[in-house]
Amino acid sequence: MLRRSSIAGRGAGRGVGRRVGVLLVVILAAALVIRRRGPAHPPPHAEPPHAEPPHAGEPSAAPPSPPPAPAPSARIEPPAGLPGSLEGTEPDGAVRADDAGHLDVDLELRRLFDHFLIATGQEPLAAIRARIVAALHARLPATAEAEAVAILDRYLAYRDAARQLSPPPGDPRAGLGQLHDLRARMFAPEVARVFFADEEAATYAALDRRDALLDPALAPAERERRIAEIDARVPAAVREARAAATAPIDELNREQAMRAAGAGDEQIAAARTAAFGPEAAARLAELDRTRAAWEARLARFRAARDALRADPRLDDAERERRIEELRASSFAPEERIRVEALDRIAAERGGG
């Protein structure tokens, strides 16, 4: 028997358009935080099956029983060399078995799968599967390993089937409904819920928030009230993931407000230490110094370049030659690419 783990709880601007843009970033970041955090507590015993979608109005018919798992192929040794995306990494996912030797099914298992699947396109799927099976073999007793491999093969089949879906254009909820139904068909109910429930809830909530932000009929107070209601009904893991995803943006805005009010480096450092801890505050301070040094070098280069551009004694060819010499003496080759990109952005904005 498999055991499942509940996914424990973890983790107005300048206008509606800007807030929607920020929201789209938060959707992606929140989903990533949810998937990477996993459960915060040891997994409880499996709950009764439950496969209803996480959003009112989505199809709620009981799905058919999941099909038998694909027949596992013989275990083969993975390739010796790692693809580029896996070099220098350690596998995610603290997979484990219970006292009876059966698999504890939690989000850590999906994290382990996804860690290796990031190499999709860099090596054959059979090689990726072999890497995952080897990682499971090294971490689990035989019974739990067999159970995990069965879920792996179902997960690989699900990914292939998901690529074949054709959601209606412009209807993200219909597309999410298709995914939910596919997951309910492909996985046992407890596996589908552990792997995908919070992710689905986060996405539906984000769509509801987007609709509230874009609804022209809502007064500001009503819009804020509706958004608060949406936030209140999503799982705690989703709320905490959103807070974790927006924390750097919130802190940046707070620092800008503090500096505008006259705060110095010591006050900023104290605020960072309180928010993120001393080690992170020290890294942010070093990043500040690096950024300031870069901006000073860029400012010196641009001032010298402007002087060359304004020099009436130079013809166009000589002017460009000297500017190129200045750029080469001021920056390393990889830095020159960055300078050219910044110049293009400034020119597009009318400031270059």
Protein backbone atom coordinates (compact mmCIF):
# COMPACT_ATOMS: atom_id res chain seq x y z
CA MET A 1 0.00 0.00 0.00
CA LEU A 2 1.25 3.47 -0.81
CA ARG A 3 1.13 6.25 1.71
CA ARG A 4 0.67 9.85 0.72
CA SER A 5 1.87 13.01 2.35
CA SER A 6 -0.28 16.06 2.66
CA ILE A 7 1.52 19.08 1.30
CA ALA A 8 1.90 21.19 4.38
CA GLY A 9 1.63 24.92 4.32
CA ARG A 10 4.87 26.68 3.49
CA GLY A 11 5.64 28.72 1.84
CA ALA A 12 -2.01 49.09 -5.55
CA GLY A 13 0.80 49.78 -7.96
CA ARG A 14 0.83 52.22 -10.78
CA GLY A 15 -2.15 50.77 -12.51
CA VAL A 16 -3.98 47.60 -13.39
CA GLY A 17 -1.72 46.81 -16.35
CA ARG A 18 1.46 46.89 -14.28
CA ARG A 19 -0.11 44.77 -11.54
CA VAL A 20 -1.15 42.13 -14.06
CA GLY A 21 2.41 42.01 -15.39
CA VAL A 22 3.81 41.50 -11.90
CA LEU A 23 1.11 38.88 -11.25
CA LEU A 24 2.26 36.78 -14.20
CA VAL A 25 5.80 36.72 -12.77
CA VAL A 26 4.42 35.76 -9.35
CA ILE A 27 2.37 32.88 -10.87
CA LEU A 28 5.53 31.27 -12.22
CA ALA A 29 7.61 31.98 -9.13
CA ALA A 30 4.90 30.73 -6.75
CA ALA A 31 4.49 27.50 -8.66
CA LEU A 32 8.25 26.97 -8.55
CA VAL A 33 8.43 27.63 -4.79
CA ILE A 34 5.56 25.19 -4.14
CA ARG A 35 7.23 22.46 -6.14
CA ARG A 36 10.66 22.97 -4.60
CA ARG A 37 9.60 23.25 -0.96
CA GLY A 38 7.68 20.01 -0.68
CA PRO A 39 5.97 18.92 2.54
CA ALA A 40 7.05 20.44 5.82
CA HIS A 41 6.07 17.48 8.04
CA PRO A 42 6.34 13.67 7.88
CA PRO A 43 3.62 12.20 5.62
CA PRO A 44 0.42 10.90 7.23
CA HIS A 45 -1.42 7.77 6.13
CA ALA A 46 -3.23 7.98 2.82
CA GLU A 47 -6.56 9.76 2.89
CA PRO A 48 -9.67 8.44 1.12
CA PRO A 49 -9.52 8.97 -2.66
CA HIS A 50 -10.64 12.39 -3.79
CA ALA A 51 -10.26 13.55 -7.38
CA GLU A 52 -12.44 16.63 -7.65
CA PRO A 53 -10.84 19.60 -9.35
CA PRO A 54 -9.68 22.43 -7.10
CA HIS A 55 -11.81 25.15 -8.66
CA ALA A 56 -15.53 25.70 -8.66
CA GLY A 57 -17.09 25.40 -12.07
CA GLU A 58 -14.56 22.88 -13.43
CA PRO A 59 -15.71 19.37 -14.43
CA SER A 60 -16.36 17.32 -11.30
CA ALA A 61 -17.44 13.93 -12.63
CA ALA A 62 -15.59 11.08 -10.96
CA PRO A 63 -12.79 10.00 -13.31
CA PRO A 64 -12.29 6.39 -14.32
CA SER A 65 -9.78 4.30 -12.44
CA PRO A 66 -6.22 4.97 -13.58
CA PRO A 67 -4.92 2.54 -16.20
CA PRO A 68 -2.34 -0.07 -15.26
CA ALA A 69 1.16 1.31 -15.04
CA PRO A 70 3.29 0.78 -18.14
CA ALA A 71 5.34 -2.39 -17.96
CA PRO A 72 8.75 -1.41 -16.55
CA SER A 73 11.73 -2.09 -18.74
CA ALA A 74 14.85 -3.75 -17.40
CA ARG A 75 17.05 -1.44 -15.35
CA ILE A 76 20.02 -0.23 -17.35
CA GLU A 77 23.06 1.70 -16.27
CA PRO A 78 22.83 5.45 -16.97
CA PRO A 79 25.43 7.14 -19.18
CA ALA A 80 28.65 8.03 -17.41
CA GLY A 81 28.78 11.67 -18.48
CA LEU A 82 26.23 14.24 -17.38
CA PRO A 83 24.40 16.55 -19.80
CA GLY A 84 25.19 20.24 -19.40
CA SER A 85 22.04 21.09 -17.43
CA LEU A 86 22.95 18.53 -14.72
CA GLU A 87 26.66 19.24 -14.39
CA GLY A 88 27.60 20.46 -10.93
CA THR A 89 24.16 19.69 -9.46
CA GLU A 90 22.90 17.38 -6.74
CA PRO A 91 19.58 15.58 -7.25
CA ASP A 92 16.57 17.22 -5.62
CA GLY A 93 14.01 15.14 -3.78
CA ALA A 94 14.41 13.46 -0.39
CA VAL A 95 12.47 10.32 -1.33
CA ARG A 96 11.93 7.81 1.46
CA ALA A 97 10.16 4.61 2.50
CA ASP A 98 8.03 3.92 5.56
CA ASP A 99 8.88 1.43 8.30
CA ALA A 100 7.30 -1.40 6.30
CA GLY A 101 9.46 -0.67 3.26
CA HIS A 102 6.73 0.93 1.14
CA LEU A 103 7.09 4.24 -0.63
CA ASP A 104 6.04 7.47 1.07
CA VAL A 105 4.43 9.36 -1.81
CA ASP A 106 5.04 13.07 -1.48
CA LEU A 107 6.14 16.02 -3.56
CA GLU A 108 9.80 15.08 -3.04
CA LEU A 109 9.30 12.24 -5.50
CA ARG A 110 8.15 14.59 -8.25
CA ARG A 111 11.05 16.91 -7.44
CA LEU A 112 13.47 14.04 -8.02
CA PHE A 113 11.84 13.21 -11.36
CA ASP A 114 11.86 16.83 -12.49
CA HIS A 115 15.49 17.33 -11.48
CA PHE A 116 16.61 14.83 -14.11
CA LEU A 117 13.92 15.68 -16.65
CA ILE A 118 15.39 19.17 -16.99
CA ALA A 119 17.84 17.44 -19.37
CA THR A 120 15.02 16.63 -21.80
CA GLY A 121 16.28 17.40 -25.28
CA GLN A 122 19.93 17.07 -24.24
CA GLU A 123 19.93 13.27 -24.08
CA PRO A 124 17.46 10.47 -24.94
CA LEU A 125 14.51 9.91 -22.62
CA ALA A 126 15.74 6.35 -21.98
CA ALA A 127 18.98 7.77 -20.57
CA ILE A 128 17.08 10.21 -18.34
CA ARG A 129 14.85 7.40 -17.09
CA ALA A 130 17.93 5.30 -16.34
CA ARG A 131 19.38 8.14 -14.25
CA ILE A 132 16.15 8.45 -12.26
CA VAL A 133 15.88 4.69 -11.70
CA ALA A 134 19.50 4.61 -10.51
CA ALA A 135 18.79 7.45 -8.07
CA LEU A 136 15.74 5.60 -6.73
CA HIS A 137 17.74 2.36 -6.44
CA ALA A 138 20.36 4.16 -4.36
CA ARG A 139 17.80 5.71 -2.00
CA LEU A 140 15.03 3.15 -1.49
CA PRO A 141 14.53 -0.49 -0.48
CA ALA A 142 13.36 -2.87 -3.18
CA THR A 143 9.61 -2.62 -2.60
CA ALA A 144 9.57 1.16 -2.40
CA GLU A 145 11.86 1.35 -5.43
CA ALA A 146 9.45 -0.74 -7.51
CA GLU A 147 6.54 1.46 -6.43
CA ALA A 148 8.49 4.61 -7.29
CA VAL A 149 9.49 3.28 -10.72
CA ALA A 150 5.85 2.47 -11.47
CA ILE A 151 4.91 6.08 -10.66
CA LEU A 152 7.87 7.30 -12.73
CA ASP A 153 6.68 5.41 -15.80
CA ARG A 154 3.18 6.76 -15.32
CA TYR A 155 4.63 10.29 -14.94
CA LEU A 156 6.61 9.96 -18.17
CA ALA A 157 3.48 8.72 -19.96
CA TYR A 158 1.51 11.64 -18.50
CA ARG A 159 4.06 14.17 -19.77
CA ASP A 160 3.82 12.69 -23.25
CA ALA A 161 0.01 12.70 -23.16
CA ALA A 162 -0.08 16.30 -21.89
CA ARG A 163 1.88 17.41 -24.94
CA GLN A 164 -0.87 15.97 -27.13
CA LEU A 165 -3.66 18.03 -25.55
CA SER A 166 -5.27 20.80 -27.61
CA PRO A 167 -6.71 23.38 -25.21
CA PRO A 168 -9.08 25.95 -26.70
CA PRO A 169 -7.20 29.13 -27.66
CA GLY A 170 -7.68 31.96 -25.20
CA ASP A 171 -9.33 29.76 -22.55
CA PRO A 172 -6.73 28.88 -19.91
CA ARG A 173 -9.33 27.42 -17.55
CA ALA A 174 -10.41 24.91 -20.19
CA GLY A 175 -6.77 23.95 -20.70
CA LEU A 176 -6.29 23.50 -16.96
CA GLY A 177 -9.44 21.41 -16.84
CA GLN A 178 -8.01 19.14 -19.53
CA LEU A 179 -4.81 18.74 -17.53
CA HIS A 180 -6.74 18.00 -14.34
CA ASP A 181 -8.81 15.32 -16.07
CA LEU A 182 -5.70 13.76 -17.62
CA ARG A 183 -3.98 13.66 -14.23
CA ALA A 184 -7.03 12.00 -12.68
CA ARG A 185 -6.97 9.32 -15.39
CA MET A 186 -3.23 8.71 -15.31
CA PHE A 187 -2.54 8.59 -11.56
CA ALA A 188 -3.97 7.07 -8.43
CA PRO A 189 -5.99 9.77 -6.60
CA GLU A 190 -3.46 10.28 -3.79
CA VAL A 191 -0.56 10.62 -6.24
CA ALA A 192 -2.45 13.12 -8.41
CA ARG A 193 -3.33 15.20 -5.38
CA VAL A 194 0.18 15.19 -3.89
CA PHE A 195 1.85 15.96 -7.22
CA PHE A 196 -0.53 18.58 -8.58
CA ALA A 197 -3.24 19.85 -6.20
CA ASP A 198 -1.46 22.90 -4.81
CA GLU A 199 -0.05 23.78 -8.23
CA GLU A 200 -3.56 23.69 -9.71
CA ALA A 201 -4.96 25.75 -6.86
CA ALA A 202 -2.24 28.35 -7.34
CA THR A 203 -2.96 28.65 -11.04
CA TYR A 204 -6.74 28.91 -10.64
CA ALA A 205 -6.29 31.53 -7.92
CA ALA A 206 -3.95 33.51 -10.17
CA LEU A 207 -6.51 33.45 -12.97
CA ASP A 208 -9.22 34.64 -10.56
CA ARG A 209 -6.96 37.45 -9.40
CA ARG A 210 -6.23 38.43 -12.99
CA ASP A 211 -9.95 38.56 -13.76
CA ALA A 212 -10.57 40.76 -10.73
CA LEU A 213 -7.74 43.11 -11.69
CA LEU A 214 -8.98 43.44 -15.28
CA ASP A 215 -12.70 43.78 -14.54
CA PRO A 216 -13.57 47.41 -15.42
CA ALA A 217 -16.89 47.18 -13.62
CA LEU A 218 -15.27 46.76 -10.20
CA ALA A 219 -14.67 49.77 -8.00
CA PRO A 220 -11.24 49.78 -6.32
CA ALA A 221 -12.65 48.79 -2.93
CA GLU A 222 -14.67 45.94 -4.42
CA ARG A 223 -11.66 44.76 -6.41
CA GLU A 224 -9.51 44.62 -3.28
CA ARG A 225 -12.27 42.82 -1.38
CA ARG A 226 -12.63 40.21 -4.12
CA ILE A 227 -8.88 39.63 -4.27
CA ALA A 228 -8.81 39.19 -0.50
CA GLU A 229 -11.55 36.55 -0.81
CA ILE A 230 -9.57 34.72 -3.49
CA ASP A 231 -6.46 34.73 -1.31
CA ALA A 232 -8.40 33.49 1.70
CA ARG A 233 -9.69 30.36 -0.02
CA VAL A 234 -6.44 29.07 -1.51
CA PRO A 235 -4.30 26.56 0.40
CA ALA A 236 -1.80 27.89 2.90
CA ALA A 237 1.07 26.52 0.79
CA VAL A 238 -0.06 28.70 -2.10
CA ARG A 239 -0.33 31.83 0.04
CA GLU A 240 3.08 31.27 1.59
CA ALA A 241 4.64 30.50 -1.79
CA ARG A 242 3.25 33.74 -3.18
CA ALA A 243 4.63 35.63 -0.21
CA ALA A 244 8.04 34.00 -0.71
CA ALA A 245 7.96 34.83 -4.42
CA THR A 246 7.11 38.48 -3.87
CA ALA A 247 9.37 39.01 -0.85
CA PRO A 248 12.36 40.28 -2.90
CA ILE A 249 10.12 42.72 -4.81
CA ASP A 250 8.53 43.91 -1.58
CA GLU A 251 11.93 44.38 0.05
CA LEU A 252 13.28 46.28 -2.97
CA ASN A 253 10.29 48.63 -2.87
CA ARG A 254 10.78 49.10 0.87
CA GLU A 255 14.47 49.90 0.42
CA GLN A 256 13.71 52.43 -2.30
CA ALA A 257 11.20 54.12 -0.02
CA MET A 258 13.73 54.15 2.84
CA ARG A 259 16.45 55.67 0.65
CA ALA A 260 14.01 58.28 -0.65
CA ALA A 261 13.29 59.18 2.99
CA GLY A 262 17.01 59.62 3.68
CA ALA A 263 18.00 56.20 5.07
CA GLY A 264 21.70 55.40 4.93
CA ASP A 265 23.59 52.18 4.28
CA GLU A 266 23.53 51.14 7.94
CA GLN A 267 19.75 51.42 8.14
CA ILE A 268 19.36 49.48 4.88
CA ALA A 269 21.72 46.79 6.20
CA ALA A 270 19.72 46.52 9.43
CA ALA A 271 16.47 46.15 7.49
CA ARG A 272 17.98 43.45 5.30
CA THR A 273 19.33 41.56 8.30
CA ALA A 274 15.90 41.63 9.92
CA ALA A 275 14.22 40.44 6.71
CA PHE A 276 16.67 37.83 5.41
CA GLY A 277 19.33 37.17 8.07
CA PRO A 278 22.96 38.33 8.36
CA GLU A 279 24.45 36.10 5.65
CA ALA A 280 21.94 37.17 3.01
CA ALA A 281 22.30 40.80 4.09
CA ALA A 282 26.07 40.54 3.62
CA ARG A 283 25.62 39.07 0.14
CA LEU A 284 23.21 41.87 -0.77
CA ALA A 285 25.72 44.44 0.47
CA GLU A 286 28.43 42.88 -1.72
CA LEU A 287 26.00 42.95 -4.64
CA ASP A 288 25.41 46.65 -3.96
CA ARG A 289 29.16 47.31 -4.08
CA THR A 290 29.57 45.33 -7.30
CA ARG A 291 26.65 47.11 -8.91
CA ALA A 292 27.93 50.53 -7.82
CA ALA A 293 31.39 49.79 -9.23
CA TRP A 294 29.88 48.66 -12.52
CA GLU A 295 27.67 51.73 -12.80
CA ALA A 296 30.64 53.99 -12.09
CA ARG A 297 32.69 52.33 -14.84
CA LEU A 298 29.77 52.58 -17.25
CA ALA A 299 29.26 56.25 -16.39
CA ARG A 300 32.96 57.02 -17.02
CA PHE A 301 32.86 55.22 -20.36
CA ARG A 302 29.72 57.03 -21.47
CA ALA A 303 31.14 60.42 -20.45
CA ALA A 304 34.33 59.79 -22.46
CA ARG A 305 32.30 58.48 -25.40
CA ASP A 306 30.06 61.55 -25.35
CA ALA A 307 33.17 63.74 -25.40
CA LEU A 308 34.42 61.92 -28.50
CA ARG A 309 31.05 62.25 -30.17
CA ALA A 310 31.07 65.99 -29.50
CA ASP A 311 34.65 66.56 -30.70
CA PRO A 312 34.35 68.56 -33.97
CA ARG A 313 37.93 67.74 -34.98
CA LEU A 314 37.10 64.07 -35.62
CA ASP A 315 35.54 62.74 -38.79
CA ASP A 316 33.02 59.90 -38.51
CA ALA A 317 35.51 57.09 -39.19
CA GLU A 318 38.05 58.37 -36.67
CA ARG A 319 35.34 59.00 -34.09
CA GLU A 320 34.03 55.42 -34.36
CA ARG A 321 37.57 54.02 -34.24
CA ARG A 322 38.33 55.88 -31.00
CA ILE A 323 35.00 54.92 -29.44
CA GLU A 324 35.72 51.27 -30.23
CA GLU A 325 39.20 51.59 -28.68
CA LEU A 326 37.64 53.19 -25.60
CA ARG A 327 35.11 50.38 -25.30
CA ALA A 328 37.80 47.70 -25.68
CA SER A 329 40.03 49.32 -23.04
CA SER A 330 37.15 49.87 -20.60
CA PHE A 331 35.48 46.44 -20.62
CA ALA A 332 36.24 42.75 -20.99
CA PRO A 333 34.73 41.04 -24.08
CA GLU A 334 31.74 39.64 -22.18
CA GLU A 335 31.17 43.04 -20.57
CA ARG A 336 31.16 44.74 -23.97
CA ILE A 337 28.18 42.58 -24.98
CA ARG A 338 26.35 43.83 -21.89
CA VAL A 339 27.27 47.45 -22.64
CA GLU A 340 26.01 47.15 -26.21
CA ALA A 341 22.74 45.68 -24.97
CA LEU A 342 22.32 48.50 -22.43
CA ASP A 343 23.03 51.05 -25.15
CA ARG A 344 20.35 49.52 -27.38
CA ILE A 345 17.81 49.66 -24.54
CA ALA A 346 18.73 53.28 -23.82
CA ALA A 347 18.41 54.16 -27.53
CA GLU A 348 14.96 52.53 -27.72
CA ARG A 349 13.89 54.61 -24.74
CA GLY A 350 15.23 57.76 -26.34
CA GLY A 351 18.12 58.19 -23.92
CA GLY A 352 21.04 56.73 -25.89
